Amino acid sequence: MIPTAVDILWTHTWWSYAKSSELPLSQAYHFFNLFEGTAWFVFCVLVLVRRYRQRRSRLELWYAIAFFTFGLTDFREAYYQQSWLIWVKTVNLVILFVLRHRVLKDLYPGSRLF
């Protein structure tokens, strides 16, 4: 069956995790996404701790939520990579970049990394 444009853009499953897979790349992709999702959760916690200590803006809460949701998408990606997930991750990443720019510009103008 030939995939349609709708299938390719929205519903197609590109990869799925098989626990019994002998492919080392499949296992590496799975565990990398689990690690990456955990890292995004750590960033979320770091932003929340900074917010709790300095209480500068509610914008940091949205920044933490964006990190949290990006971590959730990585946990999903560890098991299934689907077209809709790629779109959600892309939108979430754009939101993260916009929020990062705003937080650094408005709240921490002297900082470049954190």
PDB file of N, CA and C in Angstrom:
ATOM      1  N   MET A   1       0.841  -1.179   0.000  1.00  0.00           N
ATOM      2  CA  MET A   1       0.000   0.000   0.000  1.00  0.00           C
ATOM      3  C   MET A   1       0.892   1.252   0.000  1.00  0.00           C
ATOM      4  N   ILE A   2       0.589   2.169  -0.865  1.00  0.00           N
ATOM      5  CA  ILE A   2       1.350   3.406  -0.972  1.00  0.00           C
ATOM      6  C   ILE A   2       0.799   4.404   0.041  1.00  0.00           C
ATOM      7  N   PRO A   3       1.686   4.960   0.885  1.00  0.00           N
ATOM      8  CA  PRO A   3       1.206   5.927   1.883  1.00  0.00           C
ATOM      9  C   PRO A   3       0.737   7.222   1.209  1.00  0.00           C
ATOM     10  N   THR A   4      -0.325   7.760   1.763  1.00  0.00           N
ATOM     11  CA  THR A   4      -0.844   9.026   1.256  1.00  0.00           C
ATOM     12  C   THR A   4      -0.120  10.185   1.935  1.00  0.00           C
ATOM     13  N   ALA A   5      -0.330  11.382   1.421  1.00  0.00           N
ATOM     14  CA  ALA A   5       0.289  12.570   2.003  1.00  0.00           C
ATOM     15  C   ALA A   5      -0.177  12.771   3.439  1.00  0.00           C
ATOM     16  N   VAL A   6      -1.462  12.522   3.695  1.00  0.00           N
ATOM     17  CA  VAL A   6      -1.995  12.672   5.057  1.00  0.00           C
ATOM     18  C   VAL A   6      -1.301  11.686   5.988  1.00  0.00           C
ATOM     19  N   ASP A   7      -1.126  10.465   5.532  1.00  0.00           N
ATOM     20  CA  ASP A   7      -0.456   9.454   6.352  1.00  0.00           C
ATOM     21  C   ASP A   7       0.983   9.881   6.644  1.00  0.00           C
ATOM     22  N   ILE A   8       1.706  10.291   5.634  1.00  0.00           N
ATOM     23  CA  ILE A   8       3.105  10.682   5.826  1.00  0.00           C
ATOM     24  C   ILE A   8       3.214  11.892   6.741  1.00  0.00           C
ATOM     25  N   LEU A   9       2.348  12.873   6.575  1.00  0.00           N
ATOM     26  CA  LEU A   9       2.440  14.105   7.354  1.00  0.00           C
ATOM     27  C   LEU A   9       1.878  14.005   8.764  1.00  0.00           C
ATOM     28  N   TRP A  10       0.917  13.087   9.022  1.00  0.00           N
ATOM     29  CA  TRP A  10       0.235  13.102  10.322  1.00  0.00           C
ATOM     30  C   TRP A  10       0.176  11.781  11.054  1.00  0.00           C
ATOM     31  N   THR A  11       0.029  10.670  10.386  1.00  0.00           N
ATOM     32  CA  THR A  11      -0.267   9.430  11.103  1.00  0.00           C
ATOM     33  C   THR A  11       0.769   8.319  10.956  1.00  0.00           C
ATOM     34  N   HIS A  12       1.712   8.477  10.085  1.00  0.00           N
ATOM     35  CA  HIS A  12       2.675   7.410   9.813  1.00  0.00           C
ATOM     36  C   HIS A  12       3.565   7.129  11.024  1.00  0.00           C
ATOM     37  N   THR A  13       3.773   5.852  11.313  1.00  0.00           N
ATOM     38  CA  THR A  13       4.717   5.442  12.351  1.00  0.00           C
ATOM     39  C   THR A  13       6.028   5.111  11.652  1.00  0.00           C
ATOM     40  N   TRP A  14       7.065   5.886  11.956  1.00  0.00           N
ATOM     41  CA  TRP A  14       8.361   5.741  11.298  1.00  0.00           C
ATOM     42  C   TRP A  14       9.244   4.712  11.984  1.00  0.00           C
ATOM     43  N   TRP A  15       9.047   4.563  13.273  1.00  0.00           N
ATOM     44  CA  TRP A  15       9.888   3.652  14.042  1.00  0.00           C
ATOM     45  C   TRP A  15       9.133   3.254  15.295  1.00  0.00           C
ATOM     46  N   SER A  16       9.306   2.022  15.712  1.00  0.00           N
ATOM     47  CA  SER A  16       8.753   1.608  17.002  1.00  0.00           C
ATOM     48  C   SER A  16       9.770   0.707  17.695  1.00  0.00           C
ATOM     49  N   TYR A  17       9.788   0.814  18.987  1.00  0.00           N
ATOM     50  CA  TYR A  17      10.747   0.072  19.794  1.00  0.00           C
ATOM     51  C   TYR A  17      10.286  -1.363  19.970  1.00  0.00           C
ATOM     52  N   ALA A  18      11.178  -2.271  19.670  1.00  0.00           N
ATOM     53  CA  ALA A  18      10.926  -3.689  19.913  1.00  0.00           C
ATOM     54  C   ALA A  18      11.959  -4.167  20.915  1.00  0.00           C
ATOM     55  N   LYS A  19      11.503  -4.547  22.083  1.00  0.00           N
ATOM     56  CA  LYS A  19      12.407  -4.940  23.166  1.00  0.00           C
ATOM     57  C   LYS A  19      13.340  -6.063  22.730  1.00  0.00           C
ATOM     58  N   SER A  20      12.859  -6.928  21.886  1.00  0.00           N
ATOM     59  CA  SER A  20      13.655  -8.073  21.446  1.00  0.00           C
ATOM     60  C   SER A  20      14.512  -7.751  20.224  1.00  0.00           C
ATOM     61  N   SER A  21      14.546  -6.509  19.813  1.00  0.00           N
ATOM     62  CA  SER A  21      15.295  -6.135  18.616  1.00  0.00           C
ATOM     63  C   SER A  21      16.782  -6.405  18.789  1.00  0.00           C
ATOM     64  N   GLU A  22      17.366  -6.978  17.770  1.00  0.00           N
ATOM     65  CA  GLU A  22      18.804  -7.261  17.776  1.00  0.00           C
ATOM     66  C   GLU A  22      19.603  -6.085  17.217  1.00  0.00           C
ATOM     67  N   LEU A  23      18.910  -5.091  16.711  1.00  0.00           N
ATOM     68  CA  LEU A  23      19.598  -3.950  16.119  1.00  0.00           C
ATOM     69  C   LEU A  23      20.145  -3.032  17.210  1.00  0.00           C
ATOM     70  N   PRO A  24      21.455  -2.862  17.282  1.00  0.00           N
ATOM     71  CA  PRO A  24      22.015  -2.007  18.327  1.00  0.00           C
ATOM     72  C   PRO A  24      21.587  -0.547  18.176  1.00  0.00           C
ATOM     73  N   LEU A  25      21.344  -0.084  16.950  1.00  0.00           N
ATOM     74  CA  LEU A  25      20.911   1.299  16.744  1.00  0.00           C
ATOM     75  C   LEU A  25      19.524   1.526  17.319  1.00  0.00           C
ATOM     76  N   SER A  26      18.657   0.535  17.216  1.00  0.00           N
ATOM     77  CA  SER A  26      17.315   0.644  17.776  1.00  0.00           C
ATOM     78  C   SER A  26      17.376   0.758  19.292  1.00  0.00           C
ATOM     79  N   GLN A  27      18.208  -0.051  19.912  1.00  0.00           N
ATOM     80  CA  GLN A  27      18.371   0.007  21.355  1.00  0.00           C
ATOM     81  C   GLN A  27      18.986   1.339  21.785  1.00  0.00           C
ATOM     82  N   ALA A  28      19.990   1.794  21.043  1.00  0.00           N
ATOM     83  CA  ALA A  28      20.652   3.061  21.365  1.00  0.00           C
ATOM     84  C   ALA A  28      19.673   4.225  21.239  1.00  0.00           C
ATOM     85  N   TYR A  29      18.854   4.216  20.172  1.00  0.00           N
ATOM     86  CA  TYR A  29      17.861   5.277  19.967  1.00  0.00           C
ATOM     87  C   TYR A  29      16.860   5.306  21.124  1.00  0.00           C
ATOM     88  N   HIS A  30      16.432   4.149  21.539  1.00  0.00           N
ATOM     89  CA  HIS A  30      15.484   4.032  22.642  1.00  0.00           C
ATOM     90  C   HIS A  30      16.066   4.620  23.931  1.00  0.00           C
ATOM     91  N   PHE A  31      17.249   4.170  24.300  1.00  0.00           N
ATOM     92  CA  PHE A  31      17.842   4.627  25.557  1.00  0.00           C
ATOM     93  C   PHE A  31      18.290   6.082  25.495  1.00  0.00           C
ATOM     94  N   PHE A  32      18.713   6.545  24.318  1.00  0.00           N
ATOM     95  CA  PHE A  32      19.060   7.956  24.182  1.00  0.00           C
ATOM     96  C   PHE A  32      17.844   8.838  24.436  1.00  0.00           C
ATOM     97  N   ASN A  33      16.696   8.452  23.907  1.00  0.00           N
ATOM     98  CA  ASN A  33      15.479   9.239  24.121  1.00  0.00           C
ATOM     99  C   ASN A  33      15.043   9.216  25.581  1.00  0.00           C
ATOM    100  N   LEU A  34      15.219   8.094  26.259  1.00  0.00           N
ATOM    101  CA  LEU A  34      14.914   8.049  27.688  1.00  0.00           C
ATOM    102  C   LEU A  34      15.846   8.985  28.461  1.00  0.00           C
ATOM    103  N   PHE A  35      17.129   8.976  28.115  1.00  0.00           N
ATOM    104  CA  PHE A  35      18.090   9.877  28.745  1.00  0.00           C
ATOM    105  C   PHE A  35      17.748  11.335  28.443  1.00  0.00           C
ATOM    106  N   GLU A  36      17.431  11.616  27.194  1.00  0.00           N
ATOM    107  CA  GLU A  36      17.114  12.987  26.791  1.00  0.00           C
ATOM    108  C   GLU A  36      15.844  13.489  27.495  1.00  0.00           C
ATOM    109  N   GLY A  37      14.832  12.653  27.589  1.00  0.00           N
ATOM    110  CA  GLY A  37      13.617  13.045  28.303  1.00  0.00           C
ATOM    111  C   GLY A  37      13.911  13.364  29.757  1.00  0.00           C
ATOM    112  N   THR A  38      14.774  12.584  30.374  1.00  0.00           N
ATOM    113  CA  THR A  38      15.174  12.846  31.753  1.00  0.00           C
ATOM    114  C   THR A  38      15.919  14.176  31.853  1.00  0.00           C
ATOM    115  N   ALA A  39      16.785  14.448  30.892  1.00  0.00           N
ATOM    116  CA  ALA A  39      17.526  15.717  30.886  1.00  0.00           C
ATOM    117  C   ALA A  39      16.572  16.908  30.794  1.00  0.00           C
ATOM    118  N   TRP A  40      15.544  16.814  29.962  1.00  0.00           N
ATOM    119  CA  TRP A  40      14.575  17.915  29.848  1.00  0.00           C
ATOM    120  C   TRP A  40      13.822  18.098  31.160  1.00  0.00           C
ATOM    121  N   PHE A  41      13.533  17.004  31.849  1.00  0.00           N
ATOM    122  CA  PHE A  41      12.883  17.118  33.162  1.00  0.00           C
ATOM    123  C   PHE A  41      13.804  17.817  34.166  1.00  0.00           C
ATOM    124  N   VAL A  42      15.089  17.513  34.100  1.00  0.00           N
ATOM    125  CA  VAL A  42      16.057  18.182  34.982  1.00  0.00           C
ATOM    126  C   VAL A  42      16.083  19.678  34.681  1.00  0.00           C
ATOM    127  N   PHE A  43      16.070  20.053  33.407  1.00  0.00           N
ATOM    128  CA  PHE A  43      16.024  21.481  33.046  1.00  0.00           C
ATOM    129  C   PHE A  43      14.758  22.130  33.582  1.00  0.00           C
ATOM    130  N   CYS A  44      13.656  21.419  33.514  1.00  0.00           N
ATOM    131  CA  CYS A  44      12.391  21.921  34.053  1.00  0.00           C
ATOM    132  C   CYS A  44      12.536  22.214  35.539  1.00  0.00           C
ATOM    133  N   VAL A  45      13.109  21.275  36.263  1.00  0.00           N
ATOM    134  CA  VAL A  45      13.293  21.454  37.710  1.00  0.00           C
ATOM    135  C   VAL A  45      14.232  22.625  37.985  1.00  0.00           C
ATOM    136  N   LEU A  46      15.310  22.760  37.217  1.00  0.00           N
ATOM    137  CA  LEU A  46      16.247  23.867  37.414  1.00  0.00           C
ATOM    138  C   LEU A  46      15.567  25.223  37.210  1.00  0.00           C
ATOM    139  N   VAL A  47      14.726  25.303  36.200  1.00  0.00           N
ATOM    140  CA  VAL A  47      13.997  26.555  35.956  1.00  0.00           C
ATOM    141  C   VAL A  47      13.025  26.822  37.101  1.00  0.00           C
ATOM    142  N   LEU A  48      12.347  25.787  37.581  1.00  0.00           N
ATOM    143  CA  LEU A  48      11.418  25.971  38.696  1.00  0.00           C
ATOM    144  C   LEU A  48      12.146  26.393  39.982  1.00  0.00           C
ATOM    145  N   VAL A  49      13.320  25.825  40.218  1.00  0.00           N
ATOM    146  CA  VAL A  49      14.107  26.213  41.393  1.00  0.00           C
ATOM    147  C   VAL A  49      14.525  27.672  41.272  1.00  0.00           C
ATOM    148  N   ARG A  50      15.001  28.061  40.088  1.00  0.00           N
ATOM    149  CA  ARG A  50      15.377  29.459  39.870  1.00  0.00           C
ATOM    150  C   ARG A  50      14.174  30.364  40.065  1.00  0.00           C
ATOM    151  N   ARG A  51      13.032  29.954  39.573  1.00  0.00           N
ATOM    152  CA  ARG A  51      11.795  30.735  39.716  1.00  0.00           C
ATOM    153  C   ARG A  51      11.412  30.867  41.187  1.00  0.00           C
ATOM    154  N   TYR A  52      11.543  29.775  41.922  1.00  0.00           N
ATOM    155  CA  TYR A  52      11.195  29.790  43.343  1.00  0.00           C
ATOM    156  C   TYR A  52      12.118  30.725  44.127  1.00  0.00           C
ATOM    157  N   ARG A  53      13.404  30.709  43.796  1.00  0.00           N
ATOM    158  CA  ARG A  53      14.374  31.539  44.518  1.00  0.00           C
ATOM    159  C   ARG A  53      14.255  33.021  44.176  1.00  0.00           C
ATOM    160  N   GLN A  54      14.004  33.336  42.913  1.00  0.00           N
ATOM    161  CA  GLN A  54      14.072  34.731  42.484  1.00  0.00           C
ATOM    162  C   GLN A  54      12.711  35.368  42.207  1.00  0.00           C
ATOM    163  N   ARG A  55      11.718  34.570  41.940  1.00  0.00           N
ATOM    164  CA  ARG A  55      10.343  35.044  41.710  1.00  0.00           C
ATOM    165  C   ARG A  55      10.281  36.282  40.818  1.00  0.00           C
ATOM    166  N   ARG A  56      10.842  36.178  39.654  1.00  0.00           N
ATOM    167  CA  ARG A  56      10.877  37.329  38.761  1.00  0.00           C
ATOM    168  C   ARG A  56       9.667  37.411  37.832  1.00  0.00           C
ATOM    169  N   SER A  57       9.200  36.271  37.329  1.00  0.00           N
ATOM    170  CA  SER A  57       8.125  36.334  36.339  1.00  0.00           C
ATOM    171  C   SER A  57       7.416  34.991  36.209  1.00  0.00           C
ATOM    172  N   ARG A  58       6.158  35.069  35.838  1.00  0.00           N
ATOM    173  CA  ARG A  58       5.401  33.839  35.528  1.00  0.00           C
ATOM    174  C   ARG A  58       5.872  33.228  34.214  1.00  0.00           C
ATOM    175  N   LEU A  59       6.584  34.009  33.433  1.00  0.00           N
ATOM    176  CA  LEU A  59       7.116  33.515  32.171  1.00  0.00           C
ATOM    177  C   LEU A  59       7.997  32.288  32.396  1.00  0.00           C
ATOM    178  N   GLU A  60       8.685  32.266  33.533  1.00  0.00           N
ATOM    179  CA  GLU A  60       9.529  31.109  33.838  1.00  0.00           C
ATOM    180  C   GLU A  60       8.708  29.850  34.092  1.00  0.00           C
ATOM    181  N   LEU A  61       7.498  30.000  34.560  1.00  0.00           N
ATOM    182  CA  LEU A  61       6.629  28.826  34.720  1.00  0.00           C
ATOM    183  C   LEU A  61       6.300  28.219  33.360  1.00  0.00           C
ATOM    184  N   TRP A  62       6.014  29.077  32.392  1.00  0.00           N
ATOM    185  CA  TRP A  62       5.743  28.589  31.031  1.00  0.00           C
ATOM    186  C   TRP A  62       6.987  27.937  30.434  1.00  0.00           C
ATOM    187  N   TYR A  63       8.150  28.518  30.739  1.00  0.00           N
ATOM    188  CA  TYR A  63       9.424  27.960  30.285  1.00  0.00           C
ATOM    189  C   TYR A  63       9.610  26.551  30.866  1.00  0.00           C
ATOM    190  N   ALA A  64       9.330  26.379  32.149  1.00  0.00           N
ATOM    191  CA  ALA A  64       9.441  25.067  32.794  1.00  0.00           C
ATOM    192  C   ALA A  64       8.442  24.076  32.194  1.00  0.00           C
ATOM    193  N   ILE A  65       7.230  24.532  31.919  1.00  0.00           N
ATOM    194  CA  ILE A  65       6.215  23.664  31.316  1.00  0.00           C
ATOM    195  C   ILE A  65       6.654  23.220  29.924  1.00  0.00           C
ATOM    196  N   ALA A  66       7.268  24.129  29.176  1.00  0.00           N
ATOM    197  CA  ALA A  66       7.757  23.774  27.838  1.00  0.00           C
ATOM    198  C   ALA A  66       8.845  22.704  27.928  1.00  0.00           C
ATOM    199  N   PHE A  67       9.746  22.821  28.902  1.00  0.00           N
ATOM    200  CA  PHE A  67      10.756  21.774  29.100  1.00  0.00           C
ATOM    201  C   PHE A  67      10.094  20.457  29.482  1.00  0.00           C
ATOM    202  N   PHE A  68       9.114  20.517  30.360  1.00  0.00           N
ATOM    203  CA  PHE A  68       8.409  19.318  30.803  1.00  0.00           C
ATOM    204  C   PHE A  68       7.723  18.613  29.629  1.00  0.00           C
ATOM    205  N   THR A  69       6.998  19.361  28.821  1.00  0.00           N
ATOM    206  CA  THR A  69       6.292  18.739  27.692  1.00  0.00           C
ATOM    207  C   THR A  69       7.266  18.211  26.645  1.00  0.00           C
ATOM    208  N   PHE A  70       8.409  18.898  26.478  1.00  0.00           N
ATOM    209  CA  PHE A  70       9.406  18.387  25.538  1.00  0.00           C
ATOM    210  C   PHE A  70       9.976  17.057  26.057  1.00  0.00           C
ATOM    211  N   GLY A  71      10.160  16.968  27.375  1.00  0.00           N
ATOM    212  CA  GLY A  71      10.600  15.700  27.958  1.00  0.00           C
ATOM    213  C   GLY A  71       9.582  14.590  27.742  1.00  0.00           C
ATOM    214  N   LEU A  72       8.312  14.926  27.898  1.00  0.00           N
ATOM    215  CA  LEU A  72       7.261  13.926  27.653  1.00  0.00           C
ATOM    216  C   LEU A  72       7.308  13.405  26.217  1.00  0.00           C
ATOM    217  N   THR A  73       7.548  14.301  25.262  1.00  0.00           N
ATOM    218  CA  THR A  73       7.614  13.858  23.863  1.00  0.00           C
ATOM    219  C   THR A  73       8.796  12.926  23.642  1.00  0.00           C
ATOM    220  N   ASP A  74       9.888  13.147  24.354  1.00  0.00           N
ATOM    221  CA  ASP A  74      11.030  12.238  24.215  1.00  0.00           C
ATOM    222  C   ASP A  74      10.727  10.865  24.799  1.00  0.00           C
ATOM    223  N   PHE A  75       9.982  10.823  25.895  1.00  0.00           N
ATOM    224  CA  PHE A  75       9.592   9.522  26.433  1.00  0.00           C
ATOM    225  C   PHE A  75       8.675   8.785  25.456  1.00  0.00           C
ATOM    226  N   ARG A  76       7.805   9.501  24.788  1.00  0.00           N
ATOM    227  CA  ARG A  76       6.958   8.879  23.767  1.00  0.00           C
ATOM    228  C   ARG A  76       7.812   8.402  22.590  1.00  0.00           C
ATOM    229  N   GLU A  77       8.773   9.261  22.201  1.00  0.00           N
ATOM    230  CA  GLU A  77       9.642   8.930  21.074  1.00  0.00           C
ATOM    231  C   GLU A  77      10.515   7.709  21.371  1.00  0.00           C
ATOM    232  N   ALA A  78      10.776   7.427  22.620  1.00  0.00           N
ATOM    233  CA  ALA A  78      11.573   6.254  22.979  1.00  0.00           C
ATOM    234  C   ALA A  78      10.874   4.958  22.579  1.00  0.00           C
ATOM    235  N   TYR A  79       9.573   5.025  22.371  1.00  0.00           N
ATOM    236  CA  TYR A  79       8.807   3.836  21.996  1.00  0.00           C
ATOM    237  C   TYR A  79       8.215   3.908  20.597  1.00  0.00           C
ATOM    238  N   TYR A  80       7.820   5.088  20.154  1.00  0.00           N
ATOM    239  CA  TYR A  80       7.224   5.261  18.830  1.00  0.00           C
ATOM    240  C   TYR A  80       7.652   6.604  18.260  1.00  0.00           C
ATOM    241  N   GLN A  81       8.038   6.593  16.998  1.00  0.00           N
ATOM    242  CA  GLN A  81       8.317   7.845  16.299  1.00  0.00           C
ATOM    243  C   GLN A  81       7.268   7.969  15.196  1.00  0.00           C
ATOM    244  N   GLN A  82       6.369   8.923  15.376  1.00  0.00           N
ATOM    245  CA  GLN A  82       5.266   9.100  14.443  1.00  0.00           C
ATOM    246  C   GLN A  82       5.273  10.526  13.897  1.00  0.00           C
ATOM    247  N   SER A  83       4.611  10.699  12.780  1.00  0.00           N
ATOM    248  CA  SER A  83       4.602  12.002  12.122  1.00  0.00           C
ATOM    249  C   SER A  83       4.032  13.089  13.022  1.00  0.00           C
ATOM    250  N   TRP A  84       2.915  12.817  13.681  1.00  0.00           N
ATOM    251  CA  TRP A  84       2.314  13.850  14.532  1.00  0.00           C
ATOM    252  C   TRP A  84       3.259  14.240  15.665  1.00  0.00           C
ATOM    253  N   LEU A  85       4.051  13.284  16.159  1.00  0.00           N
ATOM    254  CA  LEU A  85       4.997  13.570  17.232  1.00  0.00           C
ATOM    255  C   LEU A  85       6.104  14.503  16.752  1.00  0.00           C
ATOM    256  N   ILE A  86       6.538  14.324  15.533  1.00  0.00           N
ATOM    257  CA  ILE A  86       7.549  15.224  14.961  1.00  0.00           C
ATOM    258  C   ILE A  86       7.013  16.650  14.925  1.00  0.00           C
ATOM    259  N   TRP A  87       5.754  16.813  14.529  1.00  0.00           N
ATOM    260  CA  TRP A  87       5.146  18.157  14.489  1.00  0.00           C
ATOM    261  C   TRP A  87       5.023  18.750  15.891  1.00  0.00           C
ATOM    262  N   VAL A  88       4.581  17.938  16.844  1.00  0.00           N
ATOM    263  CA  VAL A  88       4.443  18.422  18.229  1.00  0.00           C
ATOM    264  C   VAL A  88       5.804  18.835  18.775  1.00  0.00           C
ATOM    265  N   LYS A  89       6.822  18.008  18.529  1.00  0.00           N
ATOM    266  CA  LYS A  89       8.169  18.340  18.999  1.00  0.00           C
ATOM    267  C   LYS A  89       8.688  19.615  18.333  1.00  0.00           C
ATOM    268  N   THR A  90       8.392  19.794  17.066  1.00  0.00           N
ATOM    269  CA  THR A  90       8.835  21.001  16.355  1.00  0.00           C
ATOM    270  C   THR A  90       8.193  22.245  16.944  1.00  0.00           C
ATOM    271  N   VAL A  91       6.890  22.205  17.166  1.00  0.00           N
ATOM    272  CA  VAL A  91       6.197  23.345  17.763  1.00  0.00           C
ATOM    273  C   VAL A  91       6.721  23.603  19.173  1.00  0.00           C
ATOM    274  N   ASN A  92       6.905  22.542  19.956  1.00  0.00           N
ATOM    275  CA  ASN A  92       7.421  22.679  21.321  1.00  0.00           C
ATOM    276  C   ASN A  92       8.824  23.285  21.320  1.00  0.00           C
ATOM    277  N   LEU A  93       9.657  22.877  20.370  1.00  0.00           N
ATOM    278  CA  LEU A  93      11.014  23.408  20.280  1.00  0.00           C
ATOM    279  C   LEU A  93      11.005  24.895  19.935  1.00  0.00           C
ATOM    280  N   VAL A  94      10.138  25.291  19.016  1.00  0.00           N
ATOM    281  CA  VAL A  94      10.013  26.714  18.681  1.00  0.00           C
ATOM    282  C   VAL A  94       9.573  27.501  19.913  1.00  0.00           C
ATOM    283  N   ILE A  95       8.602  26.964  20.640  1.00  0.00           N
ATOM    284  CA  ILE A  95       8.134  27.627  21.866  1.00  0.00           C
ATOM    285  C   ILE A  95       9.279  27.741  22.873  1.00  0.00           C
ATOM    286  N   LEU A  96      10.077  26.687  23.015  1.00  0.00           N
ATOM    287  CA  LEU A  96      11.216  26.733  23.930  1.00  0.00           C
ATOM    288  C   LEU A  96      12.203  27.828  23.538  1.00  0.00           C
ATOM    289  N   PHE A  97      12.508  27.938  22.258  1.00  0.00           N
ATOM    290  CA  PHE A  97      13.437  28.974  21.800  1.00  0.00           C
ATOM    291  C   PHE A  97      12.887  30.378  22.033  1.00  0.00           C
ATOM    292  N   VAL A  98      11.604  30.566  21.766  1.00  0.00           N
ATOM    293  CA  VAL A  98      10.983  31.881  21.979  1.00  0.00           C
ATOM    294  C   VAL A  98      10.988  32.227  23.466  1.00  0.00           C
ATOM    295  N   LEU A  99      10.597  31.278  24.303  1.00  0.00           N
ATOM    296  CA  LEU A  99      10.591  31.524  25.739  1.00  0.00           C
ATOM    297  C   LEU A  99      11.997  31.772  26.271  1.00  0.00           C
ATOM    298  N   ARG A 100      12.965  31.018  25.787  1.00  0.00           N
ATOM    299  CA  ARG A 100      14.346  31.219  26.224  1.00  0.00           C
ATOM    300  C   ARG A 100      14.796  32.637  25.879  1.00  0.00           C
ATOM    301  N   HIS A 101      14.506  33.057  24.670  1.00  0.00           N
ATOM    302  CA  HIS A 101      14.876  34.408  24.242  1.00  0.00           C
ATOM    303  C   HIS A 101      14.230  35.460  25.145  1.00  0.00           C
ATOM    304  N   ARG A 102      12.936  35.300  25.392  1.00  0.00           N
ATOM    305  CA  ARG A 102      12.215  36.266  26.237  1.00  0.00           C
ATOM    306  C   ARG A 102      12.722  36.271  27.670  1.00  0.00           C
ATOM    307  N   VAL A 103      12.932  35.077  28.241  1.00  0.00           N
ATOM    308  CA  VAL A 103      13.399  34.989  29.622  1.00  0.00           C
ATOM    309  C   VAL A 103      14.776  35.633  29.757  1.00  0.00           C
ATOM    310  N   LEU A 104      15.693  35.299  28.847  1.00  0.00           N
ATOM    311  CA  LEU A 104      17.032  35.878  28.928  1.00  0.00           C
ATOM    312  C   LEU A 104      17.016  37.384  28.687  1.00  0.00           C
ATOM    313  N   LYS A 105      16.242  37.813  27.718  1.00  0.00           N
ATOM    314  CA  LYS A 105      16.192  39.243  27.382  1.00  0.00           C
ATOM    315  C   LYS A 105      15.540  40.055  28.493  1.00  0.00           C
ATOM    316  N   ASP A 106      14.401  39.594  28.990  1.00  0.00           N
ATOM    317  CA  ASP A 106      13.627  40.372  29.955  1.00  0.00           C
ATOM    318  C   ASP A 106      14.095  40.217  31.398  1.00  0.00           C
ATOM    319  N   LEU A 107      14.495  39.020  31.783  1.00  0.00           N
ATOM    320  CA  LEU A 107      14.770  38.751  33.192  1.00  0.00           C
ATOM    321  C   LEU A 107      16.248  38.654  33.540  1.00  0.00           C
ATOM    322  N   TYR A 108      17.043  38.183  32.587  1.00  0.00           N
ATOM    323  CA  TYR A 108      18.465  37.975  32.849  1.00  0.00           C
ATOM    324  C   TYR A 108      19.284  38.518  31.685  1.00  0.00           C
ATOM    325  N   PRO A 109      19.271  39.833  31.461  1.00  0.00           N
ATOM    326  CA  PRO A 109      19.924  40.406  30.270  1.00  0.00           C
ATOM    327  C   PRO A 109      21.431  40.170  30.227  1.00  0.00           C
ATOM    328  N   GLY A 110      22.089  39.981  31.352  1.00  0.00           N
ATOM    329  CA  GLY A 110      23.520  39.752  31.359  1.00  0.00           C
ATOM    330  C   GLY A 110      23.932  38.307  31.124  1.00  0.00           C
ATOM    331  N   SER A 111      22.964  37.397  31.173  1.00  0.00           N
ATOM    332  CA  SER A 111      23.249  35.968  31.049  1.00  0.00           C
ATOM    333  C   SER A 111      23.085  35.522  29.608  1.00  0.00           C
ATOM    334  N   ARG A 112      23.918  34.577  29.209  1.00  0.00           N
ATOM    335  CA  ARG A 112      23.830  34.017  27.854  1.00  0.00           C
ATOM    336  C   ARG A 112      23.500  32.527  27.847  1.00  0.00           C
ATOM    337  N   LEU A 113      23.764  31.839  28.935  1.00  0.00           N
ATOM    338  CA  LEU A 113      23.573  30.391  28.942  1.00  0.00           C
ATOM    339  C   LEU A 113      22.410  29.924  29.790  1.00  0.00           C
ATOM    340  N   PHE A 114      22.182  30.502  30.941  1.00  0.00           N
ATOM    341  CA  PHE A 114      21.194  29.950  31.876  1.00  0.00           C
ATOM    342  C   PHE A 114      20.161  30.954  32.240  1.00  0.00           C
TER     343      PHE A 114
END
